[in-house]
Protein backbone atom coordinates (compact mmCIF):
# COMPACT_ATOMS: atom_id res chain seq x y z
CA UNK A 1 64.79 64.76 136.36
CA UNK A 2 66.35 63.43 133.17
CA UNK A 3 66.11 59.71 132.55
CA UNK A 4 69.41 57.80 132.19
CA UNK A 5 68.45 56.97 128.65
CA UNK A 6 67.87 60.60 127.68
CA UNK A 7 71.06 61.68 129.53
CA UNK A 8 73.17 59.15 127.65
CA UNK A 9 71.59 60.22 124.42
CA UNK A 10 72.49 63.86 125.01
CA UNK A 11 76.03 62.87 125.98
CA UNK A 12 76.46 60.83 122.86
CA UNK A 13 75.16 63.68 120.66
CA UNK A 14 77.49 66.16 122.34
CA UNK A 15 80.46 63.79 121.89
CA UNK A 16 79.54 63.29 118.23
CA UNK A 17 79.31 67.01 117.71
CA UNK A 18 82.60 67.59 119.48
CA UNK A 19 84.43 64.95 117.33
CA UNK A 20 82.98 66.46 114.19
CA UNK A 21 84.15 69.92 115.37
CA UNK A 22 87.69 68.60 116.00
CA UNK A 23 87.77 66.91 112.55
CA UNK A 24 86.76 70.15 110.91
CA UNK A 25 89.56 71.99 112.74
CA UNK A 26 91.98 69.24 111.69
CA UNK A 27 90.95 69.71 108.11
CA UNK A 28 91.52 73.48 108.36
CA UNK A 29 94.95 72.99 109.94
CA UNK A 30 95.86 70.49 107.15
CA UNK A 31 94.75 72.96 104.45
CA UNK A 32 96.85 75.69 106.04
CA UNK A 33 99.81 73.33 106.33
CA UNK A 34 99.71 72.63 102.57
CA UNK A 35 99.61 76.34 101.84
CA UNK A 36 102.46 77.19 104.18
CA UNK A 37 105.18 75.55 102.12
CA UNK A 38 103.97 77.37 99.00
CA UNK A 39 103.91 80.55 100.97
CA UNK A 40 107.40 80.08 102.20
CA UNK A 41 108.63 79.63 98.68
CA UNK A 42 106.75 82.59 97.28
CA UNK A 43 107.30 84.96 100.20
CA UNK A 44 110.88 85.97 99.48
CA UNK A 45 110.08 86.76 95.91
CA UNK A 46 106.86 88.49 96.92
CA UNK A 47 108.74 91.00 99.09
CA UNK A 48 110.87 91.98 96.05
CA UNK A 49 107.94 91.99 93.65
CA UNK A 50 106.01 94.76 95.55
CA UNK A 51 108.60 97.35 94.49
CA UNK A 52 108.61 96.26 90.89
CA UNK A 53 104.84 95.82 90.30
CA UNK A 54 103.07 98.54 88.37
CA UNK A 55 100.70 100.77 90.33
CA UNK A 56 97.49 99.10 89.19
CA UNK A 57 94.31 100.84 90.27
CA UNK A 58 91.88 98.16 91.42
CA UNK A 59 88.16 99.02 91.25
CA UNK A 60 86.94 98.14 94.75
CA UNK A 61 83.11 98.22 95.18
CA UNK A 62 81.70 100.30 98.02
CA UNK A 63 78.38 99.07 99.25
CA UNK A 64 76.30 101.38 101.50
CA UNK A 65 75.49 99.98 104.92
CA UNK A 66 74.11 100.95 108.25
CA UNK A 67 76.23 101.57 111.31
CA UNK A 68 74.87 98.34 112.72
CA UNK A 69 76.01 96.36 109.67
CA UNK A 70 79.51 97.90 109.85
CA UNK A 71 79.69 96.96 113.42
CA UNK A 72 78.51 93.41 112.82
CA UNK A 73 81.11 92.86 110.04
CA UNK A 74 83.91 94.51 112.04
CA UNK A 75 83.31 92.44 115.11
CA UNK A 76 83.12 89.27 113.06
CA UNK A 77 86.46 90.01 111.41
CA UNK A 78 88.13 90.87 114.74
CA UNK A 79 86.93 87.65 116.40
CA UNK A 80 88.09 85.40 113.60
CA UNK A 81 91.31 83.46 114.26
CA UNK A 82 92.71 84.07 110.77
CA UNK A 83 91.62 87.76 110.34
CA UNK A 84 91.81 89.24 113.77
CA UNK A 85 95.18 90.97 113.01
CA UNK A 86 93.63 93.18 110.32
CA UNK A 87 94.10 96.87 111.06
CA UNK A 88 91.25 99.41 111.25
CA UNK A 89 91.82 100.65 107.67
CA UNK A 90 91.69 97.12 106.31
CA UNK A 91 88.52 96.27 108.27
CA UNK A 92 86.81 99.39 106.95
CA UNK A 93 87.74 98.59 103.37
CA UNK A 94 86.61 95.01 103.62
CA UNK A 95 83.34 95.97 105.39
CA UNK A 96 82.65 98.57 102.67
CA UNK A 97 83.16 96.04 99.86
CA UNK A 98 80.95 93.33 101.22
CA UNK A 99 77.65 93.02 99.41
CA UNK A 100 74.22 91.65 100.65
CA UNK A 101 73.00 88.16 99.99
CA UNK A 102 69.66 86.76 101.04
CA UNK A 103 69.01 83.01 101.38
CA UNK A 104 65.88 81.15 102.17
CA UNK A 105 65.49 78.51 104.82
CA UNK A 106 66.92 75.18 103.71
CA UNK A 107 69.28 76.66 101.05
CA UNK A 108 72.82 75.36 100.89
CA UNK A 109 75.19 78.39 101.05
CA UNK A 110 78.49 76.47 100.75
CA UNK A 111 78.90 72.78 100.00
CA UNK A 112 81.72 70.52 101.27
CA UNK A 113 84.25 69.63 98.58
CA UNK A 114 83.46 72.62 96.35
CA UNK A 115 86.12 75.14 95.52
CA UNK A 116 85.06 78.30 97.28
CA UNK A 117 85.73 81.90 96.58
CA UNK A 118 83.33 83.78 98.92
CA UNK A 119 83.38 84.62 102.62
CA UNK A 120 80.16 85.45 104.52
CA UNK A 121 79.07 87.22 107.68
CA UNK A 122 75.63 86.59 109.07
CA UNK A 123 73.60 89.79 109.64
CA UNK A 124 70.33 88.02 110.45
CA UNK A 125 69.30 84.39 110.64
CA UNK A 126 70.85 81.08 111.63
CA UNK A 127 72.85 78.38 109.70
CA UNK A 128 73.93 74.82 110.35
CA UNK A 129 77.35 73.48 109.71
CA UNK A 130 77.59 69.83 108.59
CA UNK A 131 80.70 67.79 107.86
CA UNK A 132 80.51 64.33 106.27
CA UNK A 133 76.75 64.32 106.99
CA UNK A 134 77.36 64.97 110.67
CA UNK A 135 76.22 68.01 112.62
CA UNK A 136 79.05 70.22 113.70
CA UNK A 137 77.43 73.42 115.06
CA UNK A 138 74.98 76.23 114.41
CA UNK A 139 75.97 79.86 113.74
CA UNK A 140 73.83 82.98 113.91
CA UNK A 141 74.06 86.78 113.76
CA UNK A 142 77.61 88.09 113.85
CA UNK A 143 79.24 84.76 112.81
CA UNK A 144 81.74 84.60 109.94
CA UNK A 145 82.32 81.58 107.73
CA UNK A 146 84.05 80.61 104.47
CA UNK A 147 87.23 82.52 105.31
CA UNK A 148 89.57 79.86 104.00
CA UNK A 149 88.16 80.39 100.54
CA UNK A 150 89.44 83.94 100.38
CA UNK A 151 92.73 83.25 102.23
CA UNK A 152 93.61 80.11 100.28
CA UNK A 153 92.49 78.39 97.06
CA UNK A 154 91.11 75.29 98.75
CA UNK A 155 88.06 73.07 98.87
CA UNK A 156 85.21 73.80 101.38
CA UNK A 157 85.80 71.73 104.52
CA UNK A 158 82.08 71.60 105.51
CA UNK A 159 78.60 72.31 104.24
CA UNK A 160 76.66 75.31 105.50
CA UNK A 161 72.85 75.29 105.19
CA UNK A 162 70.40 78.07 106.19
CA UNK A 163 68.13 76.94 109.01
CA UNK A 164 65.95 80.04 108.48
CA UNK A 165 65.81 83.05 106.21
CA UNK A 166 69.19 84.68 106.39
CA UNK A 167 70.63 88.09 105.47
CA UNK A 168 74.35 87.75 104.79
CA UNK A 169 77.21 89.97 103.82
CA UNK A 170 79.69 88.47 101.30
CA UNK A 171 83.08 89.24 99.70
CA UNK A 172 84.84 87.52 96.89
CA UNK A 173 88.45 86.38 97.00
CA UNK A 174 89.71 88.66 94.24
CA UNK A 175 88.24 91.73 95.95
CA UNK A 176 89.65 90.71 99.34
CA UNK A 177 93.11 90.13 97.83
CA UNK A 178 92.99 93.50 95.97
CA UNK A 179 92.25 95.23 99.29
CA UNK A 180 95.14 93.45 100.98
CA UNK A 181 97.53 94.29 98.13
CA UNK A 182 96.47 97.86 98.13
CA UNK A 183 96.91 98.02 101.90
CA UNK A 184 100.41 96.41 101.66
CA UNK A 185 101.49 98.99 99.15
CA UNK A 186 100.15 101.86 101.18
CA UNK A 187 101.95 100.57 104.33
CA UNK A 188 105.24 100.06 102.42
CA UNK A 189 105.24 103.54 101.10
CA UNK A 190 104.31 104.93 104.56
CA UNK A 191 107.16 103.03 106.22
CA UNK A 192 109.50 104.26 103.42
CA UNK A 193 108.59 107.92 104.10
CA UNK A 194 109.28 107.47 107.87
CA UNK A 195 112.54 105.82 107.17
CA UNK A 196 113.48 108.59 104.74
CA UNK A 197 113.03 111.31 107.38
CA UNK A 198 114.66 109.43 110.25
CA UNK A 199 118.13 110.33 111.43
CA UNK A 200 119.44 106.80 111.03
CA UNK A 201 118.17 106.02 107.59
CA UNK A 202 117.69 109.36 105.98
CA UNK A 203 120.86 109.13 103.82
CA UNK A 204 120.10 105.78 102.32
CA UNK A 205 119.21 105.48 98.54
CA UNK A 206 115.58 105.26 97.61
CA UNK A 207 115.83 101.61 96.53
CA UNK A 208 117.42 100.60 99.83
CA UNK A 209 114.78 102.47 101.82
CA UNK A 210 112.06 100.71 99.82
CA UNK A 211 113.74 97.28 100.42
CA UNK A 212 113.87 97.97 104.18
CA UNK A 213 110.30 99.21 104.21
CA UNK A 214 109.05 95.97 102.65
CA UNK A 215 110.27 94.12 105.74
CA UNK A 216 108.85 96.46 108.29
CA UNK A 217 105.97 95.47 110.55
CA UNK A 218 103.70 97.90 112.30
CA UNK A 219 103.02 97.55 116.01
CA UNK A 220 100.67 99.65 118.04
CA UNK A 221 100.96 100.61 121.69
CA UNK A 222 98.64 102.61 123.88
CA UNK A 223 99.77 105.64 125.87
CA UNK A 224 101.88 104.57 128.91
CA UNK A 225 101.93 100.96 127.72
CA UNK A 226 105.38 99.46 128.28
CA UNK A 227 107.36 98.54 125.19
CA UNK A 228 109.76 95.65 125.75
CA UNK A 229 112.69 96.33 123.46
CA UNK A 230 114.25 93.28 121.88
CA UNK A 231 117.87 93.61 120.81
CA UNK A 232 117.38 91.88 117.43
CA UNK A 233 114.91 94.58 116.34
CA UNK A 234 115.29 98.23 115.34
CA UNK A 235 112.33 100.45 116.42
CA UNK A 236 111.21 103.51 114.55
CA UNK A 237 108.47 105.69 116.07
CA UNK A 238 106.11 106.70 113.28
CA UNK A 239 103.21 108.41 115.03
CA UNK A 240 102.26 109.61 118.53
CA UNK A 241 99.75 108.38 120.97
CA UNK A 242 98.87 105.51 120.64
CA UNK A 243 102.51 104.96 119.50
CA UNK A 244 102.88 103.11 116.21
CA UNK A 245 106.28 101.47 115.68
CA UNK A 246 107.87 99.97 112.59
CA UNK A 247 109.90 96.89 113.57
CA UNK A 248 112.23 94.82 111.37
CA UNK A 249 114.84 92.18 112.17
CA UNK A 250 118.54 93.11 112.15
């Protein structure tokens, strides 16, 4: 049976870790809040810019991996709060572009306050997350960290140190952004083709179709899944089962 002293000690440690975890989440939210205003300003011009940008071919590295590695990376991306809405094509491209990194026990992988540019997925090993010299949590195989560095140009919100020898997969911000831009262009052109051959939009000029396509969003529905139609949207069926629908506000 645990002594009262030991029980209180465990409770204090747990409370300390919980508070550190909450502070870390608060920092992440604050970083995102700062980025949101900039995004709102840039977003309207970004929509227009896609159609006017030259078709630049980005050299995207493709790193060979085992099926197990692809599964580990894919699952990590799908579980992450900020990346779980990636589609299967994006996940495959990101997984293919990630390169291996090995770190020894005790090595600092990312340091709080540094400007980061790399995201990691743990293939093997265990790491410790520390914020303001306080323990936050441990992470092991299948965990993803450093995602804010590729989503936003911001400082690291915590330090991550290897507890044991670790095998990681890594991707840099510029490669991640290149993949997302390439994916956005491909989707826009796909939406434009579907709009062009639809009865409702087929007669529209090319530039109008492209403009509409830039505001389309893809939604997927499984066979026999009920689609609740909202009056403020127009729905265009692009592919069969599972149904894929382009949606945009009217």
